[in-house]
Amino acid sequence: MKNNQATTAKVVLARKPDSETAAKIEAFAKSKGCSEVEYTIDGKIIGGIIVYIGDTVYDGSVKNRLEEMKRDVSD
């Protein structure tokens, strides 16, 4: 298997997803070629979601958005 073809999506959330959210996450992962989703709960991201699929990171966390805003303001 090549590095860019992961079969498991690693998902980080601030809290456990409800069934509707989990279904949307799993549909997204499946659309990217993943057959499994592995969840990790990490309150440090404040909210939102981070998805790791192979070498690709989809970072929609509140922590990341705040850091981007901080960088924009200090420029």
N, C-alpha and C. Protein backbone atom coordinates (compact mmCIF):
# COMPACT_ATOMS: atom_id res chain seq x y z
N MET A 1 0.84 -1.19 0.00
CA MET A 1 0.00 0.00 0.00
C MET A 1 0.88 1.25 0.00
N LYS A 2 0.49 2.24 -0.77
CA LYS A 2 1.22 3.50 -0.83
C LYS A 2 0.81 4.38 0.35
N ASN A 3 1.70 5.29 0.76
CA ASN A 3 1.42 6.18 1.89
C ASN A 3 0.19 7.05 1.67
N ASN A 4 -0.07 7.46 0.44
CA ASN A 4 -1.18 8.37 0.20
C ASN A 4 -2.52 7.64 0.05
N GLN A 5 -2.54 6.32 0.23
CA GLN A 5 -3.78 5.57 0.14
C GLN A 5 -4.06 4.88 1.48
N ALA A 6 -4.51 5.64 2.45
CA ALA A 6 -4.82 5.10 3.76
C ALA A 6 -6.20 4.44 3.72
N THR A 7 -6.36 3.38 4.48
CA THR A 7 -7.67 2.75 4.58
C THR A 7 -8.39 3.18 5.84
N THR A 8 -7.68 3.86 6.74
CA THR A 8 -8.28 4.35 7.98
C THR A 8 -8.14 5.85 8.07
N ALA A 9 -9.26 6.52 8.33
CA ALA A 9 -9.24 7.96 8.58
C ALA A 9 -9.13 8.14 10.08
N LYS A 10 -8.16 8.94 10.51
CA LYS A 10 -7.99 9.23 11.93
C LYS A 10 -8.62 10.59 12.19
N VAL A 11 -9.63 10.60 13.07
CA VAL A 11 -10.44 11.79 13.30
C VAL A 11 -10.27 12.25 14.75
N VAL A 12 -9.98 13.54 14.91
CA VAL A 12 -9.83 14.13 16.24
C VAL A 12 -10.98 15.13 16.44
N LEU A 13 -11.68 14.97 17.56
CA LEU A 13 -12.80 15.84 17.91
C LEU A 13 -12.66 16.29 19.36
N ALA A 14 -13.31 17.39 19.71
CA ALA A 14 -13.28 17.87 21.09
C ALA A 14 -14.17 17.03 21.99
N ARG A 15 -15.20 16.42 21.40
CA ARG A 15 -16.10 15.55 22.18
C ARG A 15 -16.64 14.46 21.27
N LYS A 16 -17.21 13.45 21.88
CA LYS A 16 -17.74 12.30 21.12
C LYS A 16 -18.84 12.78 20.17
N PRO A 17 -18.78 12.34 18.90
CA PRO A 17 -19.79 12.79 17.93
C PRO A 17 -21.14 12.09 18.16
N ASP A 18 -22.23 12.81 17.87
CA ASP A 18 -23.54 12.16 17.90
C ASP A 18 -23.66 11.29 16.64
N SER A 19 -24.70 10.51 16.55
CA SER A 19 -24.83 9.55 15.45
C SER A 19 -24.92 10.24 14.08
N GLU A 20 -25.56 11.38 14.01
CA GLU A 20 -25.67 12.11 12.73
C GLU A 20 -24.31 12.63 12.28
N THR A 21 -23.56 13.19 13.21
CA THR A 21 -22.22 13.70 12.90
C THR A 21 -21.30 12.56 12.51
N ALA A 22 -21.35 11.46 13.24
CA ALA A 22 -20.51 10.29 12.93
C ALA A 22 -20.82 9.76 11.54
N ALA A 23 -22.10 9.76 11.17
CA ALA A 23 -22.48 9.28 9.83
C ALA A 23 -21.89 10.19 8.74
N LYS A 24 -21.90 11.50 8.98
CA LYS A 24 -21.34 12.44 8.01
C LYS A 24 -19.82 12.27 7.90
N ILE A 25 -19.17 12.08 9.05
CA ILE A 25 -17.72 11.87 9.05
C ILE A 25 -17.38 10.59 8.29
N GLU A 26 -18.12 9.53 8.56
CA GLU A 26 -17.86 8.25 7.90
C GLU A 26 -18.12 8.33 6.39
N ALA A 27 -19.14 9.08 5.98
CA ALA A 27 -19.41 9.27 4.55
C ALA A 27 -18.26 10.04 3.89
N PHE A 28 -17.75 11.06 4.58
CA PHE A 28 -16.62 11.83 4.06
C PHE A 28 -15.40 10.91 3.90
N ALA A 29 -15.11 10.14 4.94
CA ALA A 29 -13.95 9.23 4.90
C ALA A 29 -14.10 8.22 3.77
N LYS A 30 -15.30 7.69 3.60
CA LYS A 30 -15.54 6.72 2.53
C LYS A 30 -15.33 7.37 1.17
N SER A 31 -15.75 8.63 1.02
CA SER A 31 -15.57 9.34 -0.26
C SER A 31 -14.09 9.55 -0.58
N LYS A 32 -13.25 9.50 0.44
CA LYS A 32 -11.81 9.66 0.26
C LYS A 32 -11.10 8.30 0.19
N GLY A 33 -11.87 7.22 0.13
CA GLY A 33 -11.29 5.89 -0.04
C GLY A 33 -11.01 5.12 1.23
N CYS A 34 -11.45 5.62 2.37
CA CYS A 34 -11.21 4.94 3.64
C CYS A 34 -12.35 3.97 3.96
N SER A 35 -11.99 2.85 4.54
CA SER A 35 -13.00 1.87 4.94
C SER A 35 -13.24 1.89 6.44
N GLU A 36 -12.39 2.58 7.20
CA GLU A 36 -12.53 2.65 8.65
C GLU A 36 -12.29 4.07 9.14
N VAL A 37 -12.89 4.38 10.30
CA VAL A 37 -12.69 5.67 10.95
C VAL A 37 -12.28 5.39 12.40
N GLU A 38 -11.18 6.01 12.81
CA GLU A 38 -10.67 5.87 14.17
C GLU A 38 -10.82 7.23 14.85
N TYR A 39 -11.57 7.26 15.96
CA TYR A 39 -11.84 8.52 16.66
C TYR A 39 -10.91 8.71 17.85
N THR A 40 -10.48 9.97 18.05
CA THR A 40 -9.74 10.38 19.24
C THR A 40 -10.42 11.64 19.76
N ILE A 41 -10.64 11.68 21.07
CA ILE A 41 -11.24 12.86 21.69
C ILE A 41 -10.11 13.67 22.33
N ASP A 42 -10.03 14.97 21.97
CA ASP A 42 -8.99 15.86 22.49
C ASP A 42 -9.59 17.24 22.69
N GLY A 43 -9.88 17.59 23.93
CA GLY A 43 -10.48 18.88 24.25
C GLY A 43 -9.61 20.07 23.91
N LYS A 44 -8.31 19.86 23.67
CA LYS A 44 -7.40 20.96 23.35
C LYS A 44 -7.71 21.62 22.02
N ILE A 45 -8.44 20.92 21.14
CA ILE A 45 -8.78 21.55 19.85
C ILE A 45 -9.98 22.49 19.98
N ILE A 46 -10.57 22.54 21.17
CA ILE A 46 -11.67 23.42 21.55
C ILE A 46 -12.98 23.01 20.88
N GLY A 47 -12.99 22.81 19.61
CA GLY A 47 -14.18 22.42 18.86
C GLY A 47 -13.76 22.13 17.43
N GLY A 48 -14.73 21.74 16.62
CA GLY A 48 -14.42 21.43 15.23
C GLY A 48 -13.87 20.03 15.07
N ILE A 49 -13.08 19.83 14.02
CA ILE A 49 -12.63 18.49 13.67
C ILE A 49 -11.29 18.56 12.93
N ILE A 50 -10.48 17.53 13.12
CA ILE A 50 -9.26 17.34 12.35
C ILE A 50 -9.33 15.92 11.80
N VAL A 51 -9.12 15.77 10.49
CA VAL A 51 -9.15 14.45 9.86
C VAL A 51 -7.80 14.20 9.20
N TYR A 52 -7.20 13.07 9.54
CA TYR A 52 -5.94 12.64 8.94
C TYR A 52 -6.22 11.45 8.04
N ILE A 53 -5.91 11.59 6.76
CA ILE A 53 -6.05 10.49 5.81
C ILE A 53 -4.73 10.40 5.06
N GLY A 54 -3.97 9.38 5.38
CA GLY A 54 -2.65 9.25 4.77
C GLY A 54 -1.82 10.47 5.09
N ASP A 55 -1.28 11.12 4.06
CA ASP A 55 -0.44 12.31 4.23
C ASP A 55 -1.24 13.61 4.22
N THR A 56 -2.56 13.53 4.13
CA THR A 56 -3.40 14.72 4.03
C THR A 56 -4.07 15.01 5.37
N VAL A 57 -4.09 16.30 5.75
CA VAL A 57 -4.73 16.73 6.98
C VAL A 57 -5.81 17.75 6.63
N TYR A 58 -7.02 17.49 7.10
CA TYR A 58 -8.13 18.44 6.97
C TYR A 58 -8.35 19.02 8.36
N ASP A 59 -7.93 20.26 8.59
CA ASP A 59 -7.98 20.85 9.92
C ASP A 59 -9.07 21.92 9.99
N GLY A 60 -10.18 21.56 10.56
CA GLY A 60 -11.28 22.48 10.76
C GLY A 60 -11.50 22.73 12.25
N SER A 61 -10.42 22.66 13.02
CA SER A 61 -10.53 22.85 14.47
C SER A 61 -10.63 24.33 14.81
N VAL A 62 -11.28 24.62 15.92
CA VAL A 62 -11.37 26.00 16.40
C VAL A 62 -9.98 26.50 16.77
N LYS A 63 -9.18 25.63 17.36
CA LYS A 63 -7.81 26.02 17.74
C LYS A 63 -7.04 26.50 16.51
N ASN A 64 -7.13 25.78 15.41
CA ASN A 64 -6.43 26.18 14.18
C ASN A 64 -6.96 27.51 13.65
N ARG A 65 -8.25 27.68 13.68
CA ARG A 65 -8.84 28.95 13.19
C ARG A 65 -8.37 30.13 14.04
N LEU A 66 -8.30 29.94 15.36
CA LEU A 66 -7.83 31.01 16.23
C LEU A 66 -6.35 31.33 15.96
N GLU A 67 -5.55 30.30 15.74
CA GLU A 67 -4.13 30.52 15.43
C GLU A 67 -3.97 31.26 14.11
N GLU A 68 -4.82 30.93 13.11
CA GLU A 68 -4.77 31.64 11.83
C GLU A 68 -5.14 33.11 12.01
N MET A 69 -6.16 33.38 12.82
CA MET A 69 -6.56 34.76 13.07
C MET A 69 -5.45 35.52 13.77
N LYS A 70 -4.78 34.87 14.72
CA LYS A 70 -3.69 35.51 15.45
C LYS A 70 -2.55 35.86 14.48
N ARG A 71 -2.22 34.95 13.57
CA ARG A 71 -1.19 35.23 12.57
C ARG A 71 -1.60 36.39 11.66
N ASP A 72 -2.86 36.41 11.26
CA ASP A 72 -3.34 37.48 10.37
C ASP A 72 -3.27 38.84 11.06
N VAL A 73 -3.60 38.90 12.33
CA VAL A 73 -3.61 40.16 13.07
C VAL A 73 -2.19 40.66 13.30
N SER A 74 -1.25 39.74 13.52
CA SER A 74 0.12 40.16 13.81
C SER A 74 0.93 40.49 12.56
N ASP A 75 0.39 40.22 11.38
CA ASP A 75 1.10 40.54 10.13
C ASP A 75 1.02 42.01 9.79
